[in-house]
Amino acid sequence: GRPLQNDEYVEVTWTVESLEDGEIEGKTDLRRHRILRLLVEAEVQGAAPTVGDLADILNVSDRTIKRDIAILRQMGHHIETRGST
């Protein structure tokens, strides 16, 4: 897709940490749980984050997010980020 114009950016309020996160064991599972939550929150607010947006907010590399998204898709989750399908 084309780059966003300045008036097309949407400010999103995300819940990076939540009480429910304490129920999830393992750093990887927790990060993937948070990715799903962040994507839902963004969609509800009319936004589609980039892989870079997710990497920044979760303090990991783009490569890590891409790998997590690929696995989440294999698990049956429908995931859309800006700049990917």
Protein backbone atom coordinates (compact mmCIF):
# COMPACT_ATOMS: atom_id res chain seq x y z
CA GLY A 1 0.00 0.00 0.00
CA ARG A 2 0.92 3.62 -0.24
CA PRO A 3 2.38 5.59 2.66
CA LEU A 4 -0.13 7.29 4.93
CA GLN A 5 -0.72 10.99 4.49
CA ASN A 6 -0.38 13.15 7.61
CA ASP A 7 -4.16 13.43 7.99
CA GLU A 8 -4.59 9.64 7.78
CA TYR A 9 -2.67 8.77 10.93
CA VAL A 10 -4.79 7.58 13.84
CA GLU A 11 -3.64 7.96 17.42
CA VAL A 12 -4.25 4.70 19.25
CA THR A 13 -4.46 4.07 22.98
CA TRP A 14 -3.03 0.65 23.76
CA THR A 15 -3.06 -1.54 26.84
CA VAL A 16 0.45 -2.98 26.83
CA GLU A 17 0.20 -4.58 30.27
CA SER A 18 -2.99 -6.00 31.75
CA LEU A 19 -3.93 -7.97 34.85
CA GLU A 20 -4.83 -10.96 32.66
CA ASP A 21 -1.19 -11.08 31.48
CA GLY A 22 -0.25 -12.58 34.85
CA GLU A 23 -2.12 -15.75 33.95
CA ILE A 24 0.10 -16.41 30.92
CA GLU A 25 3.28 -18.38 31.40
CA GLY A 26 6.28 -17.87 29.18
CA LYS A 27 7.71 -14.73 27.65
CA THR A 28 6.84 -15.76 24.08
CA ASP A 29 3.23 -16.68 24.83
CA LEU A 30 2.80 -13.44 26.76
CA ARG A 31 4.17 -11.36 23.87
CA ARG A 32 1.87 -13.11 21.38
CA HIS A 33 -1.11 -12.56 23.69
CA ARG A 34 -0.22 -8.87 23.86
CA ILE A 35 0.12 -8.65 20.06
CA LEU A 36 -3.41 -9.99 19.66
CA ARG A 37 -4.76 -7.56 22.27
CA LEU A 38 -2.97 -4.59 20.67
CA LEU A 39 -4.28 -5.48 17.22
CA VAL A 40 -7.87 -5.72 18.50
CA GLU A 41 -7.53 -2.39 20.32
CA ALA A 42 -6.11 -0.74 17.19
CA GLU A 43 -8.89 -2.13 14.99
CA VAL A 44 -11.59 -0.92 17.38
CA GLN A 45 -10.01 2.55 17.17
CA GLY A 46 -9.95 2.47 13.36
CA ALA A 47 -6.22 1.85 12.97
CA ALA A 48 -3.91 -0.78 11.52
CA PRO A 49 -0.46 -0.72 13.12
CA THR A 50 2.72 -1.61 11.28
CA VAL A 51 5.07 -4.37 12.36
CA GLY A 52 7.39 -1.55 13.45
CA ASP A 53 4.67 -0.02 15.64
CA LEU A 54 4.16 -3.34 17.42
CA ALA A 55 7.90 -3.94 17.75
CA ASP A 56 8.39 -0.50 19.28
CA ILE A 57 5.58 -0.79 21.82
CA LEU A 58 6.67 -4.30 22.87
CA ASN A 59 10.38 -3.44 22.79
CA VAL A 60 11.38 -6.26 20.43
CA SER A 61 12.69 -6.44 16.86
CA ASP A 62 10.56 -6.30 13.73
CA ARG A 63 11.81 -9.80 12.98
CA THR A 64 10.41 -11.09 16.28
CA ILE A 65 7.00 -9.55 15.57
CA LYS A 66 6.96 -10.99 12.04
CA ARG A 67 7.78 -14.44 13.40
CA ASP A 68 5.09 -14.16 16.08
CA ILE A 69 2.49 -12.99 13.55
CA ALA A 70 3.34 -15.90 11.22
CA ILE A 71 2.83 -18.36 14.08
CA LEU A 72 -0.39 -16.68 15.22
CA ARG A 73 -1.71 -16.91 11.66
CA GLN A 74 -0.81 -20.62 11.56
CA MET A 75 -2.82 -20.98 14.77
CA GLY A 76 -5.85 -19.56 12.92
CA HIS A 77 -5.79 -15.91 13.94
CA HIS A 78 -6.68 -13.41 11.23
CA ILE A 79 -4.06 -10.72 11.57
CA GLU A 80 -3.68 -7.58 9.51
CA THR A 81 -1.01 -4.99 9.95
CA ARG A 82 -0.41 -1.94 7.83
CA GLY A 83 2.04 -2.92 5.10
CA SER A 84 1.28 -6.66 5.21
CA THR A 85 -1.59 -9.03 4.58
